[in-house]
């Protein structure tokens, strides 16, 4: 009986950790990666436009 109770408590604690800490952290990392990607794209486009306009 004790093993079953500890198994259920361990499972609940594991789910609590996953949904309260790991999932929000992963969502935050994805948001950060998207923001960095958009900024990098804007810088790339700006450098390309300036480089083409200065050549001609």
N, C-alpha and C. Protein backbone atom coordinates (compact mmCIF):
# COMPACT_ATOMS: atom_id res chain seq x y z
N UNK A 1 0.83 -1.21 0.00
CA UNK A 1 0.00 0.00 0.00
C UNK A 1 0.87 1.26 0.00
N UNK A 2 1.95 1.23 0.77
CA UNK A 2 2.84 2.39 0.85
C UNK A 2 3.50 2.68 -0.48
N UNK A 3 3.87 1.59 -1.22
CA UNK A 3 4.50 1.79 -2.52
C UNK A 3 3.55 2.45 -3.50
N UNK A 4 2.28 2.08 -3.44
CA UNK A 4 1.29 2.66 -4.35
C UNK A 4 1.09 4.14 -4.04
N UNK A 5 1.02 4.47 -2.76
CA UNK A 5 0.84 5.87 -2.36
C UNK A 5 2.04 6.70 -2.81
N UNK A 6 3.25 6.17 -2.59
CA UNK A 6 4.45 6.91 -2.99
C UNK A 6 4.53 7.04 -4.52
N UNK A 7 4.08 6.01 -5.24
CA UNK A 7 4.07 6.08 -6.70
C UNK A 7 3.12 7.18 -7.18
N UNK A 8 1.94 7.25 -6.58
CA UNK A 8 0.97 8.27 -6.97
C UNK A 8 1.48 9.66 -6.62
N UNK A 9 2.07 9.81 -5.41
CA UNK A 9 2.61 11.12 -5.03
C UNK A 9 3.78 11.52 -5.94
N UNK A 10 4.64 10.58 -6.28
CA UNK A 10 5.76 10.88 -7.17
C UNK A 10 5.29 11.28 -8.56
N UNK A 11 4.26 10.60 -9.05
CA UNK A 11 3.70 10.94 -10.36
C UNK A 11 3.09 12.34 -10.34
N UNK A 12 2.32 12.64 -9.30
CA UNK A 12 1.72 13.97 -9.19
C UNK A 12 2.78 15.05 -9.08
N UNK A 13 3.84 14.80 -8.31
CA UNK A 13 4.92 15.79 -8.17
C UNK A 13 5.65 15.98 -9.50
N UNK A 14 5.86 14.89 -10.23
CA UNK A 14 6.50 14.99 -11.54
C UNK A 14 5.67 15.81 -12.51
N UNK A 15 4.36 15.57 -12.54
CA UNK A 15 3.48 16.35 -13.41
C UNK A 15 3.45 17.82 -13.01
N UNK A 16 3.46 18.08 -11.70
CA UNK A 16 3.49 19.45 -11.20
C UNK A 16 4.74 20.18 -11.68
N UNK A 17 5.89 19.51 -11.58
CA UNK A 17 7.15 20.13 -12.01
C UNK A 17 7.13 20.39 -13.51
N UNK A 18 6.65 19.41 -14.29
CA UNK A 18 6.64 19.57 -15.75
C UNK A 18 5.75 20.74 -16.16
N UNK A 19 4.54 20.80 -15.62
CA UNK A 19 3.60 21.82 -16.08
C UNK A 19 3.83 23.19 -15.47
N UNK A 20 4.48 23.27 -14.32
CA UNK A 20 4.68 24.57 -13.69
C UNK A 20 6.05 25.18 -13.93
N UNK A 21 7.03 24.37 -14.30
CA UNK A 21 8.38 24.89 -14.48
C UNK A 21 8.91 24.67 -15.89
N UNK A 22 8.84 23.45 -16.40
CA UNK A 22 9.49 23.14 -17.67
C UNK A 22 8.73 23.70 -18.87
N UNK A 23 7.42 23.56 -18.90
CA UNK A 23 6.64 24.04 -20.04
C UNK A 23 6.74 25.57 -20.19
N UNK A 24 6.56 26.36 -19.12
CA UNK A 24 6.73 27.82 -19.29
C UNK A 24 8.15 28.21 -19.69
N UNK A 25 9.15 27.47 -19.19
CA UNK A 25 10.53 27.77 -19.55
C UNK A 25 10.75 27.51 -21.05
N UNK A 26 10.22 26.42 -21.56
CA UNK A 26 10.36 26.12 -22.99
C UNK A 26 9.62 27.14 -23.85
N UNK A 27 8.44 27.57 -23.41
CA UNK A 27 7.70 28.59 -24.15
C UNK A 27 8.49 29.90 -24.16
N UNK A 28 9.10 30.24 -23.05
CA UNK A 28 9.93 31.45 -22.99
C UNK A 28 11.13 31.36 -23.91
N UNK A 29 11.76 30.18 -23.98
CA UNK A 29 12.90 30.01 -24.88
C UNK A 29 12.48 30.13 -26.33
N UNK A 30 11.32 29.59 -26.69
CA UNK A 30 10.83 29.70 -28.06
C UNK A 30 10.54 31.16 -28.40
N UNK A 31 9.92 31.89 -27.48
CA UNK A 31 9.66 33.32 -27.70
C UNK A 31 10.97 34.08 -27.91
N UNK A 32 11.96 33.79 -27.07
CA UNK A 32 13.25 34.46 -27.19
C UNK A 32 13.90 34.14 -28.53
N UNK A 33 13.83 32.88 -28.95
CA UNK A 33 14.42 32.49 -30.24
C UNK A 33 13.71 33.20 -31.40
N UNK A 34 12.40 33.33 -31.31
CA UNK A 34 11.67 34.03 -32.38
C UNK A 34 12.05 35.50 -32.43
N UNK A 35 12.17 36.15 -31.28
CA UNK A 35 12.54 37.56 -31.25
C UNK A 35 13.93 37.76 -31.82
N UNK A 36 14.88 36.90 -31.41
CA UNK A 36 16.25 37.00 -31.92
C UNK A 36 16.27 36.76 -33.43
N UNK A 37 15.48 35.80 -33.90
CA UNK A 37 15.42 35.51 -35.33
C UNK A 37 14.87 36.68 -36.13
N UNK A 38 13.82 37.33 -35.62
CA UNK A 38 13.24 38.48 -36.33
C UNK A 38 14.23 39.64 -36.36
N UNK A 39 14.91 39.89 -35.25
CA UNK A 39 15.90 40.97 -35.22
C UNK A 39 17.04 40.67 -36.20
N UNK A 40 17.50 39.42 -36.22
CA UNK A 40 18.57 39.04 -37.14
C UNK A 40 18.12 39.21 -38.59
N UNK A 41 16.88 38.85 -38.89
CA UNK A 41 16.36 39.02 -40.25
C UNK A 41 16.31 40.49 -40.64
N UNK A 42 15.86 41.34 -39.73
CA UNK A 42 15.82 42.77 -40.01
C UNK A 42 17.21 43.35 -40.26
N UNK A 43 18.18 42.92 -39.45
CA UNK A 43 19.56 43.39 -39.63
C UNK A 43 20.10 42.91 -40.97
N UNK A 44 19.82 41.66 -41.32
CA UNK A 44 20.27 41.12 -42.61
C UNK A 44 19.69 41.90 -43.78
N UNK A 45 18.40 42.19 -43.71
CA UNK A 45 17.75 42.95 -44.79
C UNK A 45 18.32 44.35 -44.86
N UNK A 46 18.53 44.99 -43.72
CA UNK A 46 19.07 46.35 -43.72
C UNK A 46 20.48 46.38 -44.31
N UNK A 47 21.32 45.42 -43.92
CA UNK A 47 22.69 45.38 -44.45
C UNK A 47 22.67 45.10 -45.95
N UNK A 48 21.78 44.23 -46.40
CA UNK A 48 21.69 43.93 -47.83
C UNK A 48 21.25 45.16 -48.62
N UNK A 49 20.26 45.87 -48.14
CA UNK A 49 19.76 47.07 -48.84
C UNK A 49 20.83 48.15 -48.87
N UNK A 50 21.51 48.38 -47.76
CA UNK A 50 22.55 49.40 -47.72
C UNK A 50 23.72 49.00 -48.62
N UNK A 51 24.06 47.71 -48.63
CA UNK A 51 25.16 47.26 -49.48
C UNK A 51 24.85 47.39 -50.96
N UNK A 52 23.64 47.12 -51.36
CA UNK A 52 23.27 47.24 -52.77
C UNK A 52 23.15 48.70 -53.20
N UNK A 53 22.69 49.56 -52.28
CA UNK A 53 22.53 50.96 -52.65
C UNK A 53 23.88 51.68 -52.71
N UNK A 54 24.86 51.25 -51.92
CA UNK A 54 26.15 51.92 -51.93
C UNK A 54 27.00 51.49 -53.14
N UNK A 55 26.72 50.33 -53.73
CA UNK A 55 27.45 49.87 -54.91
C UNK A 55 27.14 50.70 -56.13
N UNK A 56 25.87 51.04 -56.31
CA UNK A 56 25.48 51.75 -57.54
C UNK A 56 25.50 53.26 -57.40
